[in-house]
Amino acid sequence: MKKHNFNPGPSILPRIAVENSAKAILDLNGSGLSLLEISHRSKDFESILNEAMSLFKELLNIPIGYQVIFLGGGASLQFDMVPYNLMKTKAAYLETGAWAQKAIKEAQFFGEVKIVASSSDKNFSYIPKGYAIPADADYFHITSNNTIFGT
């Protein structure tokens, strides 16, 4: 019987994805080198990165003019990395729980943070709707997986 992981963080992947990743770790496209051994500037790696970005854009229906970025580190590191890389002056945040509050706290070191809506009034038991994102915000941040409060 196949096991399933319903915990936050890593999750179950399709078997073919695991098998293809294992093959690439041993020998990427018959190159004699592992995916872990090639340069992040090589044509083979750029091809992988471009395909991943293209698939994200397709899967999430990301409009033209928007980019997919991959940032190293865990989720908490992104609380710094997102504003460090994207905020020029102002960002919009949806306050949905403990993780959103940590992201807001870190973003305030980089510029103005506008909390467009919050569910703190009901102990973060819902994700707010009907809010407006300021047109002058450099980006909008939402933490939709609030593992601490269960929303």
N, C-alpha and C. Protein backbone atom coordinates (compact mmCIF):
# COMPACT_ATOMS: atom_id res chain seq x y z
N MET A 1 0.84 -1.18 0.00
CA MET A 1 0.00 0.00 0.00
C MET A 1 0.89 1.25 0.00
N LYS A 2 0.53 2.21 -0.81
CA LYS A 2 1.27 3.47 -0.92
C LYS A 2 0.98 4.34 0.29
N LYS A 3 2.07 4.86 0.92
CA LYS A 3 1.91 5.77 2.04
C LYS A 3 1.68 7.17 1.51
N HIS A 4 0.96 7.99 2.30
CA HIS A 4 0.70 9.38 1.95
C HIS A 4 1.10 10.27 3.11
N ASN A 5 1.73 11.38 2.79
CA ASN A 5 2.19 12.34 3.79
C ASN A 5 1.28 13.56 3.72
N PHE A 6 0.48 13.78 4.75
CA PHE A 6 -0.42 14.93 4.78
C PHE A 6 0.09 16.01 5.74
N ASN A 7 1.37 15.95 6.08
CA ASN A 7 1.97 16.94 6.96
C ASN A 7 2.36 18.18 6.17
N PRO A 8 2.55 19.32 6.85
CA PRO A 8 3.04 20.51 6.16
C PRO A 8 4.47 20.27 5.68
N GLY A 9 4.84 20.96 4.64
CA GLY A 9 6.20 20.80 4.11
C GLY A 9 6.21 19.84 2.94
N PRO A 10 7.21 18.96 2.88
CA PRO A 10 7.32 18.03 1.75
C PRO A 10 6.06 17.17 1.61
N SER A 11 5.75 16.82 0.39
CA SER A 11 4.54 16.02 0.18
C SER A 11 4.83 14.90 -0.82
N ILE A 12 3.85 14.08 -1.06
CA ILE A 12 3.97 12.96 -1.97
C ILE A 12 4.15 13.48 -3.40
N LEU A 13 5.07 12.87 -4.11
CA LEU A 13 5.31 13.19 -5.52
C LEU A 13 4.90 12.01 -6.38
N PRO A 14 4.54 12.25 -7.64
CA PRO A 14 4.26 11.13 -8.53
C PRO A 14 5.51 10.24 -8.66
N ARG A 15 5.33 8.94 -8.72
CA ARG A 15 6.44 7.99 -8.78
C ARG A 15 7.39 8.32 -9.93
N ILE A 16 6.85 8.70 -11.09
CA ILE A 16 7.70 9.02 -12.25
C ILE A 16 8.62 10.19 -11.96
N ALA A 17 8.14 11.17 -11.17
CA ALA A 17 8.98 12.33 -10.81
C ALA A 17 10.15 11.89 -9.94
N VAL A 18 9.89 11.00 -8.99
CA VAL A 18 10.95 10.50 -8.11
C VAL A 18 11.96 9.69 -8.92
N GLU A 19 11.46 8.82 -9.81
CA GLU A 19 12.36 7.99 -10.63
C GLU A 19 13.22 8.83 -11.57
N ASN A 20 12.61 9.82 -12.22
CA ASN A 20 13.38 10.68 -13.13
C ASN A 20 14.41 11.52 -12.37
N SER A 21 14.05 11.97 -11.19
CA SER A 21 15.00 12.73 -10.37
C SER A 21 16.17 11.85 -9.95
N ALA A 22 15.88 10.62 -9.57
CA ALA A 22 16.94 9.69 -9.17
C ALA A 22 17.89 9.43 -10.33
N LYS A 23 17.35 9.25 -11.52
CA LYS A 23 18.20 9.03 -12.71
C LYS A 23 19.08 10.25 -12.98
N ALA A 24 18.49 11.44 -12.87
CA ALA A 24 19.26 12.67 -13.14
C ALA A 24 20.35 12.89 -12.10
N ILE A 25 20.13 12.42 -10.89
CA ILE A 25 21.15 12.56 -9.85
C ILE A 25 22.34 11.65 -10.18
N LEU A 26 22.08 10.53 -10.81
CA LEU A 26 23.17 9.62 -11.19
C LEU A 26 23.83 10.04 -12.49
N ASP A 27 23.01 10.41 -13.49
CA ASP A 27 23.55 10.76 -14.81
C ASP A 27 22.51 11.60 -15.55
N LEU A 28 22.79 12.89 -15.70
CA LEU A 28 21.85 13.81 -16.34
C LEU A 28 21.95 13.70 -17.86
N ASN A 29 20.89 13.23 -18.47
CA ASN A 29 20.77 13.17 -19.93
C ASN A 29 21.96 12.51 -20.61
N GLY A 30 22.53 11.48 -19.98
CA GLY A 30 23.66 10.77 -20.59
C GLY A 30 24.95 11.57 -20.63
N SER A 31 25.04 12.62 -19.82
CA SER A 31 26.22 13.49 -19.84
C SER A 31 27.40 12.91 -19.08
N GLY A 32 27.13 11.90 -18.25
CA GLY A 32 28.18 11.36 -17.40
C GLY A 32 28.35 12.15 -16.11
N LEU A 33 27.56 13.21 -15.96
CA LEU A 33 27.59 14.03 -14.75
C LEU A 33 26.23 13.99 -14.06
N SER A 34 26.27 14.13 -12.76
CA SER A 34 25.06 14.19 -11.98
C SER A 34 24.44 15.58 -12.07
N LEU A 35 23.14 15.66 -11.91
CA LEU A 35 22.46 16.95 -11.79
C LEU A 35 23.08 17.77 -10.66
N LEU A 36 23.57 17.08 -9.64
CA LEU A 36 24.17 17.76 -8.48
C LEU A 36 25.59 18.24 -8.77
N GLU A 37 26.17 17.82 -9.89
CA GLU A 37 27.56 18.16 -10.21
C GLU A 37 27.70 19.22 -11.29
N ILE A 38 26.62 19.53 -12.00
CA ILE A 38 26.75 20.48 -13.11
C ILE A 38 26.61 21.91 -12.62
N SER A 39 27.10 22.83 -13.41
CA SER A 39 27.00 24.24 -13.09
C SER A 39 25.57 24.73 -13.23
N HIS A 40 25.20 25.64 -12.36
CA HIS A 40 23.87 26.26 -12.48
C HIS A 40 23.81 27.21 -13.68
N ARG A 41 24.95 27.41 -14.34
CA ARG A 41 24.99 28.24 -15.55
C ARG A 41 25.09 27.40 -16.83
N SER A 42 25.10 26.08 -16.70
CA SER A 42 25.23 25.20 -17.87
C SER A 42 23.94 25.16 -18.67
N LYS A 43 24.06 24.79 -19.94
CA LYS A 43 22.88 24.69 -20.81
C LYS A 43 21.91 23.64 -20.29
N ASP A 44 22.44 22.53 -19.76
CA ASP A 44 21.55 21.49 -19.23
C ASP A 44 20.72 22.01 -18.06
N PHE A 45 21.35 22.74 -17.15
CA PHE A 45 20.61 23.26 -16.01
C PHE A 45 19.67 24.38 -16.42
N GLU A 46 20.11 25.26 -17.31
CA GLU A 46 19.23 26.33 -17.80
C GLU A 46 17.99 25.75 -18.45
N SER A 47 18.15 24.64 -19.16
CA SER A 47 17.01 23.97 -19.79
C SER A 47 16.02 23.49 -18.73
N ILE A 48 16.54 22.89 -17.66
CA ILE A 48 15.68 22.42 -16.57
C ILE A 48 14.96 23.60 -15.92
N LEU A 49 15.68 24.66 -15.65
CA LEU A 49 15.11 25.84 -15.01
C LEU A 49 14.04 26.49 -15.89
N ASN A 50 14.33 26.63 -17.18
CA ASN A 50 13.35 27.23 -18.09
C ASN A 50 12.09 26.39 -18.20
N GLU A 51 12.26 25.06 -18.23
CA GLU A 51 11.07 24.20 -18.29
C GLU A 51 10.25 24.31 -17.00
N ALA A 52 10.92 24.35 -15.86
CA ALA A 52 10.21 24.49 -14.58
C ALA A 52 9.43 25.81 -14.53
N MET A 53 10.06 26.90 -14.97
CA MET A 53 9.37 28.20 -14.97
C MET A 53 8.18 28.17 -15.92
N SER A 54 8.35 27.57 -17.08
CA SER A 54 7.27 27.48 -18.05
C SER A 54 6.10 26.66 -17.50
N LEU A 55 6.41 25.55 -16.84
CA LEU A 55 5.36 24.71 -16.28
C LEU A 55 4.62 25.42 -15.14
N PHE A 56 5.34 26.18 -14.29
CA PHE A 56 4.68 26.96 -13.24
C PHE A 56 3.74 27.98 -13.86
N LYS A 57 4.20 28.68 -14.90
CA LYS A 57 3.36 29.69 -15.55
C LYS A 57 2.10 29.06 -16.13
N GLU A 58 2.27 27.88 -16.72
CA GLU A 58 1.12 27.18 -17.30
C GLU A 58 0.18 26.68 -16.20
N LEU A 59 0.72 26.02 -15.20
CA LEU A 59 -0.08 25.44 -14.13
C LEU A 59 -0.85 26.49 -13.35
N LEU A 60 -0.20 27.61 -13.05
CA LEU A 60 -0.82 28.65 -12.23
C LEU A 60 -1.43 29.78 -13.06
N ASN A 61 -1.39 29.63 -14.39
CA ASN A 61 -1.95 30.64 -15.30
C ASN A 61 -1.37 32.03 -14.99
N ILE A 62 -0.05 32.09 -14.90
CA ILE A 62 0.64 33.34 -14.56
C ILE A 62 0.64 34.23 -15.80
N PRO A 63 0.11 35.44 -15.70
CA PRO A 63 -0.01 36.32 -16.87
C PRO A 63 1.35 36.78 -17.42
N ILE A 64 1.34 37.14 -18.68
CA ILE A 64 2.53 37.72 -19.31
C ILE A 64 2.92 38.97 -18.53
N GLY A 65 4.21 39.17 -18.36
CA GLY A 65 4.69 40.31 -17.61
C GLY A 65 5.07 39.96 -16.18
N TYR A 66 4.70 38.76 -15.72
CA TYR A 66 5.06 38.30 -14.39
C TYR A 66 6.12 37.21 -14.53
N GLN A 67 6.97 37.09 -13.53
CA GLN A 67 8.06 36.13 -13.57
C GLN A 67 7.94 35.13 -12.42
N VAL A 68 8.50 33.96 -12.61
CA VAL A 68 8.64 32.95 -11.57
C VAL A 68 10.08 33.06 -11.08
N ILE A 69 10.25 33.14 -9.77
CA ILE A 69 11.61 33.15 -9.23
C ILE A 69 11.76 32.00 -8.24
N PHE A 70 12.92 31.41 -8.22
CA PHE A 70 13.24 30.34 -7.28
C PHE A 70 14.27 30.89 -6.31
N LEU A 71 13.94 30.87 -5.02
CA LEU A 71 14.83 31.39 -4.00
C LEU A 71 15.22 30.27 -3.05
N GLY A 72 16.49 30.21 -2.69
CA GLY A 72 16.98 29.18 -1.79
C GLY A 72 16.50 29.41 -0.37
N GLY A 73 16.57 28.35 0.43
CA GLY A 73 16.20 28.45 1.84
C GLY A 73 14.80 27.95 2.08
N GLY A 74 14.45 27.80 3.33
CA GLY A 74 13.11 27.37 3.72
C GLY A 74 12.12 28.51 3.67
N ALA A 75 10.90 28.21 4.03
CA ALA A 75 9.83 29.20 3.96
C ALA A 75 10.12 30.43 4.81
N SER A 76 10.65 30.23 6.00
CA SER A 76 10.91 31.38 6.87
C SER A 76 11.96 32.31 6.30
N LEU A 77 12.94 31.77 5.58
CA LEU A 77 13.94 32.62 4.95
C LEU A 77 13.30 33.52 3.90
N GLN A 78 12.23 33.05 3.28
CA GLN A 78 11.57 33.84 2.24
C GLN A 78 10.89 35.08 2.81
N PHE A 79 10.62 35.09 4.12
CA PHE A 79 10.05 36.28 4.74
C PHE A 79 10.99 37.46 4.59
N ASP A 80 12.30 37.19 4.53
CA ASP A 80 13.30 38.23 4.25
C ASP A 80 13.57 38.36 2.76
N MET A 81 13.71 37.23 2.09
CA MET A 81 14.15 37.24 0.69
C MET A 81 13.15 37.90 -0.24
N VAL A 82 11.87 37.71 0.01
CA VAL A 82 10.86 38.32 -0.87
C VAL A 82 10.94 39.84 -0.85
N PRO A 83 10.86 40.49 0.32
CA PRO A 83 10.99 41.95 0.28
C PRO A 83 12.38 42.42 -0.13
N TYR A 84 13.40 41.66 0.24
CA TYR A 84 14.77 42.04 -0.14
C TYR A 84 14.91 42.12 -1.66
N ASN A 85 14.26 41.20 -2.35
CA ASN A 85 14.36 41.14 -3.81
C ASN A 85 13.28 41.92 -4.55
N LEU A 86 12.13 42.10 -3.94
CA LEU A 86 10.99 42.65 -4.68
C LEU A 86 10.51 44.03 -4.21
N MET A 87 10.72 44.36 -2.94
CA MET A 87 10.16 45.62 -2.44
C MET A 87 11.05 46.81 -2.79
N LYS A 88 10.43 47.77 -3.45
CA LYS A 88 11.12 49.04 -3.70
C LYS A 88 10.72 50.03 -2.62
N THR A 89 9.40 50.17 -2.40
CA THR A 89 8.92 51.09 -1.37
C THR A 89 7.77 50.53 -0.53
N LYS A 90 6.88 49.73 -1.17
CA LYS A 90 5.66 49.35 -0.48
C LYS A 90 5.20 47.96 -0.94
N ALA A 91 4.66 47.19 0.02
CA ALA A 91 4.10 45.88 -0.30
C ALA A 91 2.76 45.70 0.40
N ALA A 92 1.91 44.89 -0.17
CA ALA A 92 0.60 44.59 0.40
C ALA A 92 0.61 43.17 0.96
N TYR A 93 0.08 43.02 2.16
CA TYR A 93 0.06 41.71 2.82
C TYR A 93 -1.35 41.39 3.31
N LEU A 94 -1.70 40.12 3.21
CA LEU A 94 -2.94 39.60 3.77
C LEU A 94 -2.55 38.88 5.05
N GLU A 95 -3.10 39.31 6.19
CA GLU A 95 -2.73 38.73 7.48
C GLU A 95 -3.63 37.54 7.79
N THR A 96 -3.08 36.33 7.65
CA THR A 96 -3.87 35.11 7.77
C THR A 96 -3.42 34.20 8.91
N GLY A 97 -2.48 34.64 9.73
CA GLY A 97 -2.05 33.80 10.84
C GLY A 97 -0.60 34.04 11.22
N ALA A 98 -0.04 33.09 11.98
CA ALA A 98 1.30 33.23 12.53
C ALA A 98 2.37 33.42 11.46
N TRP A 99 2.28 32.66 10.35
CA TRP A 99 3.31 32.77 9.30
C TRP A 99 3.20 34.10 8.58
N ALA A 100 1.99 34.55 8.33
CA ALA A 100 1.79 35.86 7.70
C ALA A 100 2.31 36.97 8.61
N GLN A 101 2.08 36.85 9.91
CA GLN A 101 2.56 37.86 10.84
C GLN A 101 4.09 37.91 10.84
N LYS A 102 4.75 36.75 10.76
CA LYS A 102 6.21 36.73 10.69
C LYS A 102 6.70 37.38 9.40
N ALA A 103 6.01 37.10 8.30
CA ALA A 103 6.38 37.70 7.01
C ALA A 103 6.21 39.22 7.06
N ILE A 104 5.13 39.69 7.65
CA ILE A 104 4.87 41.13 7.78
C ILE A 104 5.96 41.78 8.61
N LYS A 105 6.30 41.17 9.74
CA LYS A 105 7.33 41.73 10.62
C LYS A 105 8.66 41.91 9.88
N GLU A 106 9.06 40.91 9.11
CA GLU A 106 10.33 40.99 8.38
C GLU A 106 10.26 42.02 7.26
N ALA A 107 9.13 42.08 6.55
CA ALA A 107 8.99 43.02 5.44
C ALA A 107 9.07 44.47 5.91
N GLN A 108 8.64 44.73 7.13
CA GLN A 108 8.67 46.10 7.65
C GLN A 108 10.08 46.66 7.77
N PHE A 109 11.09 45.79 7.75
CA PHE A 109 12.48 46.27 7.76
C PHE A 109 12.89 46.85 6.42
N PHE A 110 12.12 46.55 5.36
CA PHE A 110 12.51 46.93 4.00
C PHE A 110 11.70 48.08 3.42
N GLY A 111 10.56 48.40 4.02
CA GLY A 111 9.73 49.47 3.50
C GLY A 111 8.35 49.45 4.13
N GLU A 112 7.44 50.16 3.49
CA GLU A 112 6.08 50.27 4.00
C GLU A 112 5.31 48.98 3.73
N VAL A 113 4.60 48.50 4.74
CA VAL A 113 3.77 47.30 4.60
C VAL A 113 2.32 47.69 4.85
N LYS A 114 1.49 47.44 3.88
CA LYS A 114 0.05 47.72 3.98
C LYS A 114 -0.66 46.39 4.19
N ILE A 115 -1.30 46.22 5.35
CA ILE A 115 -2.09 45.01 5.60
C ILE A 115 -3.47 45.29 5.01
N VAL A 116 -3.79 44.61 3.91
CA VAL A 116 -5.03 44.90 3.19
C VAL A 116 -6.25 44.27 3.83
N ALA A 117 -6.03 43.19 4.60
CA ALA A 117 -7.13 42.55 5.31
C ALA A 117 -6.53 41.57 6.31
N SER A 118 -7.32 41.23 7.33
CA SER A 118 -6.84 40.33 8.38
C SER A 118 -7.99 39.47 8.88
N SER A 119 -7.66 38.26 9.28
CA SER A 119 -8.66 37.40 9.92
C SER A 119 -8.36 37.21 11.41
N SER A 120 -7.58 38.16 11.97
CA SER A 120 -7.23 38.08 13.39
C SER A 120 -8.46 38.22 14.29
N ASP A 121 -9.52 38.86 13.77
CA ASP A 121 -10.73 39.06 14.55
C ASP A 121 -11.40 37.75 14.95
N LYS A 122 -11.14 36.69 14.20
CA LYS A 122 -11.73 35.37 14.50
C LYS A 122 -10.62 34.33 14.61
N ASN A 123 -9.50 34.74 15.25
CA ASN A 123 -8.37 33.85 15.52
C ASN A 123 -7.87 33.13 14.25
N PHE A 124 -7.84 33.87 13.15
CA PHE A 124 -7.31 33.36 11.87
C PHE A 124 -8.02 32.09 11.41
N SER A 125 -9.33 32.05 11.58
CA SER A 125 -10.10 30.87 11.21
C SER A 125 -10.62 30.93 9.77
N TYR A 126 -10.25 31.98 9.04
CA TYR A 126 -10.69 32.10 7.65
C TYR A 126 -9.67 32.94 6.88
N ILE A 127 -9.76 32.86 5.57
CA ILE A 127 -8.92 33.70 4.71
C ILE A 127 -9.80 34.84 4.20
N PRO A 128 -9.43 36.09 4.52
CA PRO A 128 -10.26 37.24 4.12
C PRO A 128 -10.47 37.32 2.61
N LYS A 129 -11.60 37.88 2.25
CA LYS A 129 -11.94 38.11 0.85
C LYS A 129 -12.42 39.55 0.70
N GLY A 130 -12.47 40.02 -0.52
CA GLY A 130 -13.03 41.34 -0.78
C GLY A 130 -12.12 42.50 -0.43
N TYR A 131 -10.86 42.29 -0.44
CA TYR A 131 -9.89 43.35 -0.13
C TYR A 131 -9.38 43.97 -1.42
N ALA A 132 -8.78 45.15 -1.30
CA ALA A 132 -8.19 45.83 -2.46
C ALA A 132 -6.69 45.91 -2.27
N ILE A 133 -5.96 45.59 -3.32
CA ILE A 133 -4.50 45.68 -3.31
C ILE A 133 -4.12 47.04 -3.87
N PRO A 134 -3.37 47.83 -3.12
CA PRO A 134 -2.99 49.16 -3.62
C PRO A 134 -2.25 49.07 -4.95
N ALA A 135 -2.60 49.93 -5.88
CA ALA A 135 -1.97 49.93 -7.21
C ALA A 135 -0.48 50.22 -7.14
N ASP A 136 -0.05 50.91 -6.08
CA ASP A 136 1.37 51.25 -5.98
C ASP A 136 2.19 50.24 -5.17
N ALA A 137 1.57 49.11 -4.82
CA ALA A 137 2.31 48.06 -4.10
C ALA A 137 3.25 47.36 -5.07
N ASP A 138 4.46 47.10 -4.62
CA ASP A 138 5.44 46.40 -5.45
C ASP A 138 5.09 44.92 -5.61
N TYR A 139 4.42 44.35 -4.61
CA TYR A 139 3.96 42.97 -4.70
C TYR A 139 2.88 42.74 -3.65
N PHE A 140 2.20 41.62 -3.77
CA PHE A 140 1.17 41.21 -2.82
C PHE A 140 1.58 39.87 -2.23
N HIS A 141 1.50 39.74 -0.91
CA HIS A 141 1.90 38.51 -0.23
C HIS A 141 0.70 37.91 0.49
N ILE A 142 0.48 36.61 0.25
CA ILE A 142 -0.55 35.87 0.97
C ILE A 142 0.03 34.54 1.41
N THR A 143 -0.19 34.20 2.66
CA THR A 143 0.15 32.87 3.17
C THR A 143 -1.17 32.13 3.26
N SER A 144 -1.39 31.22 2.33
CA SER A 144 -2.69 30.52 2.28
C SER A 144 -2.70 29.25 3.11
N ASN A 145 -1.53 28.73 3.47
CA ASN A 145 -1.45 27.49 4.24
C ASN A 145 -1.05 27.83 5.67
N ASN A 146 -2.03 28.08 6.50
CA ASN A 146 -1.80 28.46 7.89
C ASN A 146 -1.83 27.20 8.76
N THR A 147 -0.70 26.52 8.84
CA THR A 147 -0.64 25.22 9.51
C THR A 147 -0.84 25.31 11.02
N ILE A 148 -0.55 26.44 11.61
CA ILE A 148 -0.70 26.58 13.07
C ILE A 148 -2.17 26.68 13.47
N PHE A 149 -2.96 27.48 12.73
CA PHE A 149 -4.37 27.66 13.05
C PHE A 149 -5.30 26.74 12.24
N GLY A 150 -4.76 26.09 11.23
CA GLY A 150 -5.54 25.10 10.50
C GLY A 150 -6.38 25.64 9.36
N THR A 151 -6.17 26.90 8.96
CA THR A 151 -6.93 27.42 7.82
C THR A 151 -6.19 27.17 6.54
